[in-house]
Amino acid sequence: IFPFTTLLIPLQNPPTSSQTVAPPPPPTSPPPSPPP
């Protein structure tokens, strides 16, 4: 997709103001502890 074009987003419910804020990146999980 290219800037300055429109992309249709299918929605089941109306959009909300909370969705205009970019979601934070997912937290990085710590590596699993080695087995004893």
All heavy atoms as atom14 arrays in JSON, in Angstrom:
{
  "sequence": "IFPFTTLLIPLQNPPTSSQTVAPPPPPTSPPPSPPP",
  "atom14_mask": [
    [1, 1, 1, 1, 1, 1, 1, 1, 0, 0, 0, 0, 0, 0],
    [1, 1, 1, 1, 1, 1, 1, 1, 1, 1, 1, 0, 0, 0],
    [1, 1, 1, 1, 1, 1, 1, 0, 0, 0, 0, 0, 0, 0],
    [1, 1, 1, 1, 1, 1, 1, 1, 1, 1, 1, 0, 0, 0],
    [1, 1, 1, 1, 1, 1, 1, 0, 0, 0, 0, 0, 0, 0],
    [1, 1, 1, 1, 1, 1, 1, 0, 0, 0, 0, 0, 0, 0],
    [1, 1, 1, 1, 1, 1, 1, 1, 0, 0, 0, 0, 0, 0],
    [1, 1, 1, 1, 1, 1, 1, 1, 0, 0, 0, 0, 0, 0],
    [1, 1, 1, 1, 1, 1, 1, 1, 0, 0, 0, 0, 0, 0],
    [1, 1, 1, 1, 1, 1, 1, 0, 0, 0, 0, 0, 0, 0],
    [1, 1, 1, 1, 1, 1, 1, 1, 0, 0, 0, 0, 0, 0],
    [1, 1, 1, 1, 1, 1, 1, 1, 1, 0, 0, 0, 0, 0],
    [1, 1, 1, 1, 1, 1, 1, 1, 0, 0, 0, 0, 0, 0],
    [1, 1, 1, 1, 1, 1, 1, 0, 0, 0, 0, 0, 0, 0],
    [1, 1, 1, 1, 1, 1, 1, 0, 0, 0, 0, 0, 0, 0],
    [1, 1, 1, 1, 1, 1, 1, 0, 0, 0, 0, 0, 0, 0],
    [1, 1, 1, 1, 1, 1, 0, 0, 0, 0, 0, 0, 0, 0],
    [1, 1, 1, 1, 1, 1, 0, 0, 0, 0, 0, 0, 0, 0],
    [1, 1, 1, 1, 1, 1, 1, 1, 1, 0, 0, 0, 0, 0],
    [1, 1, 1, 1, 1, 1, 1, 0, 0, 0, 0, 0, 0, 0],
    [1, 1, 1, 1, 1, 1, 1, 0, 0, 0, 0, 0, 0, 0],
    [1, 1, 1, 1, 1, 0, 0, 0, 0, 0, 0, 0, 0, 0],
    [1, 1, 1, 1, 1, 1, 1, 0, 0, 0, 0, 0, 0, 0],
    [1, 1, 1, 1, 1, 1, 1, 0, 0, 0, 0, 0, 0, 0],
    [1, 1, 1, 1, 1, 1, 1, 0, 0, 0, 0, 0, 0, 0],
    [1, 1, 1, 1, 1, 1, 1, 0, 0, 0, 0, 0, 0, 0],
    [1, 1, 1, 1, 1, 1, 1, 0, 0, 0, 0, 0, 0, 0],
    [1, 1, 1, 1, 1, 1, 1, 0, 0, 0, 0, 0, 0, 0],
    [1, 1, 1, 1, 1, 1, 0, 0, 0, 0, 0, 0, 0, 0],
    [1, 1, 1, 1, 1, 1, 1, 0, 0, 0, 0, 0, 0, 0],
    [1, 1, 1, 1, 1, 1, 1, 0, 0, 0, 0, 0, 0, 0],
    [1, 1, 1, 1, 1, 1, 1, 0, 0, 0, 0, 0, 0, 0],
    [1, 1, 1, 1, 1, 1, 0, 0, 0, 0, 0, 0, 0, 0],
    [1, 1, 1, 1, 1, 1, 1, 0, 0, 0, 0, 0, 0, 0],
    [1, 1, 1, 1, 1, 1, 1, 0, 0, 0, 0, 0, 0, 0],
    [1, 1, 1, 1, 1, 1, 1, 0, 0, 0, 0, 0, 0, 0]
  ],
  "atom14_positions": [
    [[0.85, -1.19, 0.0], [0.0, 0.0, 0.0], [0.88, 1.23, 0.0], [2.06, 1.18, 0.41], [-0.97, 0.02, 1.2], [-0.2, -0.14, 2.52], [-2.02, -1.07, 1.06], [-1.09, -0.08, 3.76], [0.0, 0.0, 0.0], [0.0, 0.0, 0.0], [0.0, 0.0, 0.0], [0.0, 0.0, 0.0], [0.0, 0.0, 0.0], [0.0, 0.0, 0.0]],
    [[0.33, 2.37, -0.44], [1.12, 3.58, -0.65], [0.53, 4.75, 0.14], [-0.7, 4.85, 0.29], [1.16, 3.94, -2.14], [1.73, 2.86, -3.0], [0.9, 1.91, -3.59], [3.09, 2.77, -3.22], [1.42, 0.9, -4.38], [3.61, 1.77, -4.03], [2.78, 0.83, -4.6], [0.0, 0.0, 0.0], [0.0, 0.0, 0.0], [0.0, 0.0, 0.0]],
    [[1.41, 5.67, 0.62], [0.91, 6.86, 1.33], [-0.01, 7.69, 0.45], [0.08, 7.67, -0.78], [2.2, 7.63, 1.67], [3.28, 6.61, 1.64], [2.87, 5.62, 0.59], [0.0, 0.0, 0.0], [0.0, 0.0, 0.0], [0.0, 0.0, 0.0], [0.0, 0.0, 0.0], [0.0, 0.0, 0.0], [0.0, 0.0, 0.0], [0.0, 0.0, 0.0]],
    [[-0.92, 8.44, 1.1], [-1.86, 9.36, 0.45], [-2.9, 8.62, -0.39], [-3.44, 9.15, -1.36], [-1.13, 10.41, -0.39], [0.09, 10.96, 0.26], [1.32, 10.91, -0.37], [0.03, 11.49, 1.54], [2.46, 11.39, 0.25], [1.16, 11.96, 2.17], [2.37, 11.91, 1.53], [0.0, 0.0, 0.0], [0.0, 0.0, 0.0], [0.0, 0.0, 0.0]],
    [[-3.15, 7.34, -0.02], [-4.25, 6.59, -0.61], [-5.15, 6.11, 0.53], [-4.76, 6.17, 1.69], [-3.74, 5.37, -1.4], [-2.98, 4.52, -0.52], [-2.86, 5.8, -2.56], [0.0, 0.0, 0.0], [0.0, 0.0, 0.0], [0.0, 0.0, 0.0], [0.0, 0.0, 0.0], [0.0, 0.0, 0.0], [0.0, 0.0, 0.0], [0.0, 0.0, 0.0]],
    [[-6.34, 5.63, 0.18], [-7.26, 5.14, 1.2], [-7.32, 3.63, 1.18], [-7.24, 2.99, 0.13], [-8.67, 5.71, 1.0], [-9.12, 5.4, -0.32], [-8.69, 7.21, 1.21], [0.0, 0.0, 0.0], [0.0, 0.0, 0.0], [0.0, 0.0, 0.0], [0.0, 0.0, 0.0], [0.0, 0.0, 0.0], [0.0, 0.0, 0.0], [0.0, 0.0, 0.0]],
    [[-7.48, 3.06, 2.38], [-7.63, 1.63, 2.57], [-8.93, 1.4, 3.31], [-9.16, 2.0, 4.37], [-6.45, 1.08, 3.38], [-6.33, -0.44, 3.5], [-5.84, -1.04, 2.18], [-5.36, -0.8, 4.62], [0.0, 0.0, 0.0], [0.0, 0.0, 0.0], [0.0, 0.0, 0.0], [0.0, 0.0, 0.0], [0.0, 0.0, 0.0], [0.0, 0.0, 0.0]],
    [[-9.8, 0.56, 2.79], [-11.07, 0.28, 3.44], [-10.87, -0.73, 4.57], [-10.32, -1.81, 4.35], [-12.08, -0.27, 2.44], [-12.65, 0.74, 1.43], [-13.56, 0.03, 0.44], [-13.41, 1.86, 2.14], [0.0, 0.0, 0.0], [0.0, 0.0, 0.0], [0.0, 0.0, 0.0], [0.0, 0.0, 0.0], [0.0, 0.0, 0.0], [0.0, 0.0, 0.0]],
    [[-11.31, -0.37, 5.79], [-11.22, -1.25, 6.94], [-12.63, -1.73, 7.28], [-13.48, -0.92, 7.66], [-10.59, -0.54, 8.16], [-9.3, 0.18, 7.76], [-10.37, -1.52, 9.3], [-8.18, -0.73, 7.34], [0.0, 0.0, 0.0], [0.0, 0.0, 0.0], [0.0, 0.0, 0.0], [0.0, 0.0, 0.0], [0.0, 0.0, 0.0], [0.0, 0.0, 0.0]],
    [[-12.92, -3.04, 7.16], [-14.26, -3.54, 7.5], [-14.44, -3.6, 9.03], [-13.59, -4.15, 9.73], [-14.28, -4.95, 6.89], [-13.05, -5.05, 6.03], [-12.07, -4.09, 6.6], [0.0, 0.0, 0.0], [0.0, 0.0, 0.0], [0.0, 0.0, 0.0], [0.0, 0.0, 0.0], [0.0, 0.0, 0.0], [0.0, 0.0, 0.0], [0.0, 0.0, 0.0]],
    [[-15.54, -3.06, 9.52], [-15.79, -3.0, 10.96], [-17.15, -3.61, 11.29], [-18.12, -3.42, 10.55], [-15.76, -1.55, 11.45], [-14.5, -0.72, 11.18], [-14.71, 0.71, 11.68], [-13.29, -1.35, 11.84], [0.0, 0.0, 0.0], [0.0, 0.0, 0.0], [0.0, 0.0, 0.0], [0.0, 0.0, 0.0], [0.0, 0.0, 0.0], [0.0, 0.0, 0.0]],
    [[-17.21, -4.3, 12.43], [-18.48, -4.8, 12.92], [-19.17, -3.77, 13.8], [-20.4, -3.76, 13.93], [-18.27, -6.1, 13.71], [-17.83, -7.26, 12.83], [-17.75, -8.57, 13.59], [-17.74, -8.58, 14.82], [-17.71, -9.68, 12.87], [0.0, 0.0, 0.0], [0.0, 0.0, 0.0], [0.0, 0.0, 0.0], [0.0, 0.0, 0.0], [0.0, 0.0, 0.0]],
    [[-18.36, -2.87, 14.41], [-18.89, -1.82, 15.29], [-18.29, -0.48, 14.89], [-17.22, -0.43, 14.28], [-18.56, -2.12, 16.75], [-19.16, -3.44, 17.2], [-20.38, -3.61, 17.21], [-18.3, -4.39, 17.58], [0.0, 0.0, 0.0], [0.0, 0.0, 0.0], [0.0, 0.0, 0.0], [0.0, 0.0, 0.0], [0.0, 0.0, 0.0], [0.0, 0.0, 0.0]],
    [[-18.94, 0.63, 15.23], [-18.37, 1.94, 14.92], [-17.0, 2.11, 15.57], [-16.75, 1.56, 16.65], [-19.39, 2.93, 15.52], [-20.66, 2.16, 15.6], [-20.27, 0.75, 15.88], [0.0, 0.0, 0.0], [0.0, 0.0, 0.0], [0.0, 0.0, 0.0], [0.0, 0.0, 0.0], [0.0, 0.0, 0.0], [0.0, 0.0, 0.0], [0.0, 0.0, 0.0]],
    [[-16.1, 2.85, 14.93], [-14.78, 3.09, 15.54], [-14.92, 3.96, 16.78], [-15.92, 4.67, 16.95], [-14.02, 3.81, 14.43], [-15.08, 4.46, 13.59], [-16.26, 3.54, 13.64], [0.0, 0.0, 0.0], [0.0, 0.0, 0.0], [0.0, 0.0, 0.0], [0.0, 0.0, 0.0], [0.0, 0.0, 0.0], [0.0, 0.0, 0.0], [0.0, 0.0, 0.0]],
    [[-13.92, 3.92, 17.64], [-13.95, 4.7, 18.88], [-12.71, 5.57, 18.97], [-11.7, 5.33, 18.28], [-14.01, 3.79, 20.11], [-12.81, 2.99, 20.16], [-15.21, 2.86, 20.04], [0.0, 0.0, 0.0], [0.0, 0.0, 0.0], [0.0, 0.0, 0.0], [0.0, 0.0, 0.0], [0.0, 0.0, 0.0], [0.0, 0.0, 0.0], [0.0, 0.0, 0.0]],
    [[-12.77, 6.58, 19.83], [-11.65, 7.52, 19.99], [-10.4, 6.82, 20.49], [-9.28, 7.23, 20.19], [-12.04, 8.65, 20.94], [-12.41, 8.13, 22.2], [0.0, 0.0, 0.0], [0.0, 0.0, 0.0], [0.0, 0.0, 0.0], [0.0, 0.0, 0.0], [0.0, 0.0, 0.0], [0.0, 0.0, 0.0], [0.0, 0.0, 0.0], [0.0, 0.0, 0.0]],
    [[-10.57, 5.74, 21.28], [-9.4, 5.03, 21.8], [-8.59, 4.4, 20.67], [-7.39, 4.15, 20.82], [-9.83, 3.94, 22.79], [-10.66, 2.98, 22.15], [0.0, 0.0, 0.0], [0.0, 0.0, 0.0], [0.0, 0.0, 0.0], [0.0, 0.0, 0.0], [0.0, 0.0, 0.0], [0.0, 0.0, 0.0], [0.0, 0.0, 0.0], [0.0, 0.0, 0.0]],
    [[-9.23, 4.13, 19.53], [-8.53, 3.51, 18.41], [-7.72, 4.5, 17.58], [-6.98, 4.1, 16.69], [-9.54, 2.79, 17.51], [-10.21, 1.61, 18.2], [-11.37, 1.05, 17.4], [-12.07, 1.79, 16.7], [-11.59, -0.25, 17.5], [0.0, 0.0, 0.0], [0.0, 0.0, 0.0], [0.0, 0.0, 0.0], [0.0, 0.0, 0.0], [0.0, 0.0, 0.0]],
    [[-7.86, 5.79, 17.86], [-7.06, 6.79, 17.14], [-5.66, 6.92, 17.74], [-4.8, 7.58, 17.17], [-7.74, 8.17, 17.17], [-7.87, 8.6, 18.53], [-9.1, 8.11, 16.52], [0.0, 0.0, 0.0], [0.0, 0.0, 0.0], [0.0, 0.0, 0.0], [0.0, 0.0, 0.0], [0.0, 0.0, 0.0], [0.0, 0.0, 0.0], [0.0, 0.0, 0.0]],
    [[-5.44, 6.3, 18.91], [-4.13, 6.31, 19.55], [-3.4, 5.04, 19.14], [-3.95, 3.94, 19.24], [-4.24, 6.39, 21.09], [-2.87, 6.42, 21.72], [-5.06, 7.61, 21.48], [0.0, 0.0, 0.0], [0.0, 0.0, 0.0], [0.0, 0.0, 0.0], [0.0, 0.0, 0.0], [0.0, 0.0, 0.0], [0.0, 0.0, 0.0], [0.0, 0.0, 0.0]],
    [[-2.17, 5.18, 18.67], [-1.41, 4.02, 18.23], [-1.2, 3.07, 19.4], [-0.82, 3.51, 20.49], [-0.07, 4.44, 17.64], [0.0, 0.0, 0.0], [0.0, 0.0, 0.0], [0.0, 0.0, 0.0], [0.0, 0.0, 0.0], [0.0, 0.0, 0.0], [0.0, 0.0, 0.0], [0.0, 0.0, 0.0], [0.0, 0.0, 0.0], [0.0, 0.0, 0.0]],
    [[-1.46, 1.77, 19.21], [-1.25, 0.82, 20.29], [0.22, 0.7, 20.64], [1.08, 0.8, 19.76], [-1.79, -0.5, 19.72], [-1.69, -0.34, 18.24], [-1.9, 1.12, 17.96], [0.0, 0.0, 0.0], [0.0, 0.0, 0.0], [0.0, 0.0, 0.0], [0.0, 0.0, 0.0], [0.0, 0.0, 0.0], [0.0, 0.0, 0.0], [0.0, 0.0, 0.0]],
    [[0.54, 0.51, 21.93], [1.94, 0.37, 22.31], [2.51, -0.93, 21.77], [1.77, -1.88, 21.52], [1.89, 0.35, 23.85], [0.53, -0.16, 24.16], [-0.37, 0.37, 23.07], [0.0, 0.0, 0.0], [0.0, 0.0, 0.0], [0.0, 0.0, 0.0], [0.0, 0.0, 0.0], [0.0, 0.0, 0.0], [0.0, 0.0, 0.0], [0.0, 0.0, 0.0]],
    [[3.83, -0.97, 21.53], [4.42, -2.22, 21.04], [4.27, -3.32, 22.08], [4.25, -3.04, 23.28], [5.9, -1.85, 20.82], [6.14, -0.67, 21.7], [4.83, 0.07, 21.76], [0.0, 0.0, 0.0], [0.0, 0.0, 0.0], [0.0, 0.0, 0.0], [0.0, 0.0, 0.0], [0.0, 0.0, 0.0], [0.0, 0.0, 0.0], [0.0, 0.0, 0.0]],
    [[4.12, -4.56, 21.65], [3.96, -5.65, 22.61], [5.19, -5.8, 23.48], [6.31, -5.61, 23.01], [3.76, -6.88, 21.71], [4.36, -6.51, 20.4], [4.16, -5.03, 20.26], [0.0, 0.0, 0.0], [0.0, 0.0, 0.0], [0.0, 0.0, 0.0], [0.0, 0.0, 0.0], [0.0, 0.0, 0.0], [0.0, 0.0, 0.0], [0.0, 0.0, 0.0]],
    [[5.0, -6.09, 24.79], [6.15, -6.21, 25.68], [6.98, -7.43, 25.29], [6.45, -8.44, 24.82], [5.51, -6.39, 27.06], [4.15, -6.95, 26.77], [3.72, -6.34, 25.47], [0.0, 0.0, 0.0], [0.0, 0.0, 0.0], [0.0, 0.0, 0.0], [0.0, 0.0, 0.0], [0.0, 0.0, 0.0], [0.0, 0.0, 0.0], [0.0, 0.0, 0.0]],
    [[8.27, -7.27, 25.47], [9.15, -8.39, 25.17], [9.17, -9.32, 26.37], [9.39, -8.89, 27.5], [10.58, -7.88, 24.89], [10.99, -7.07, 26.0], [10.61, -7.03, 23.64], [0.0, 0.0, 0.0], [0.0, 0.0, 0.0], [0.0, 0.0, 0.0], [0.0, 0.0, 0.0], [0.0, 0.0, 0.0], [0.0, 0.0, 0.0], [0.0, 0.0, 0.0]],
    [[8.93, -10.61, 26.13], [8.88, -11.58, 27.21], [10.29, -11.98, 27.61], [11.17, -12.16, 26.75], [8.12, -12.83, 26.76], [6.83, -12.48, 26.35], [0.0, 0.0, 0.0], [0.0, 0.0, 0.0], [0.0, 0.0, 0.0], [0.0, 0.0, 0.0], [0.0, 0.0, 0.0], [0.0, 0.0, 0.0], [0.0, 0.0, 0.0], [0.0, 0.0, 0.0]],
    [[10.53, -12.12, 28.93], [11.87, -12.55, 29.36], [12.11, -13.99, 28.94], [11.17, -14.77, 28.8], [11.79, -12.42, 30.89], [10.34, -12.53, 31.21], [9.62, -11.91, 30.05], [0.0, 0.0, 0.0], [0.0, 0.0, 0.0], [0.0, 0.0, 0.0], [0.0, 0.0, 0.0], [0.0, 0.0, 0.0], [0.0, 0.0, 0.0], [0.0, 0.0, 0.0]],
    [[13.36, -14.36, 28.67], [13.65, -15.74, 28.27], [13.27, -16.7, 29.39], [13.37, -16.36, 30.57], [15.17, -15.73, 28.02], [15.68, -14.57, 28.78], [14.58, -13.56, 28.8], [0.0, 0.0, 0.0], [0.0, 0.0, 0.0], [0.0, 0.0, 0.0], [0.0, 0.0, 0.0], [0.0, 0.0, 0.0], [0.0, 0.0, 0.0], [0.0, 0.0, 0.0]],
    [[12.77, -17.87, 29.03], [12.38, -18.83, 30.06], [13.56, -19.25, 30.91], [14.69, -19.35, 30.43], [11.82, -20.01, 29.25], [12.43, -19.88, 27.89], [12.61, -18.42, 27.67], [0.0, 0.0, 0.0], [0.0, 0.0, 0.0], [0.0, 0.0, 0.0], [0.0, 0.0, 0.0], [0.0, 0.0, 0.0], [0.0, 0.0, 0.0], [0.0, 0.0, 0.0]],
    [[13.28, -19.46, 32.18], [14.34, -19.87, 33.11], [14.8, -21.27, 32.75], [13.99, -22.14, 32.4], [13.82, -19.85, 34.55], [13.36, -18.57, 34.87], [0.0, 0.0, 0.0], [0.0, 0.0, 0.0], [0.0, 0.0, 0.0], [0.0, 0.0, 0.0], [0.0, 0.0, 0.0], [0.0, 0.0, 0.0], [0.0, 0.0, 0.0], [0.0, 0.0, 0.0]],
    [[16.11, -21.51, 32.82], [16.61, -22.86, 32.52], [16.11, -23.85, 33.56], [15.93, -23.5, 34.72], [18.13, -22.69, 32.56], [18.36, -21.5, 33.42], [17.19, -20.61, 33.21], [0.0, 0.0, 0.0], [0.0, 0.0, 0.0], [0.0, 0.0, 0.0], [0.0, 0.0, 0.0], [0.0, 0.0, 0.0], [0.0, 0.0, 0.0], [0.0, 0.0, 0.0]],
    [[15.85, -25.09, 33.17], [15.38, -26.1, 34.14], [16.45, -26.39, 35.18], [17.64, -26.26, 34.9], [15.09, -27.31, 33.25], [15.95, -27.13, 32.04], [16.03, -25.66, 31.82], [0.0, 0.0, 0.0], [0.0, 0.0, 0.0], [0.0, 0.0, 0.0], [0.0, 0.0, 0.0], [0.0, 0.0, 0.0], [0.0, 0.0, 0.0], [0.0, 0.0, 0.0]],
    [[16.02, -26.74, 36.41], [17.01, -27.05, 37.45], [17.82, -28.27, 37.05], [17.32, -29.19, 36.39], [16.13, -27.34, 38.68], [14.81, -27.73, 38.13], [14.64, -26.95, 36.87], [0.0, 0.0, 0.0], [0.0, 0.0, 0.0], [0.0, 0.0, 0.0], [0.0, 0.0, 0.0], [0.0, 0.0, 0.0], [0.0, 0.0, 0.0], [0.0, 0.0, 0.0]]
  ]
}
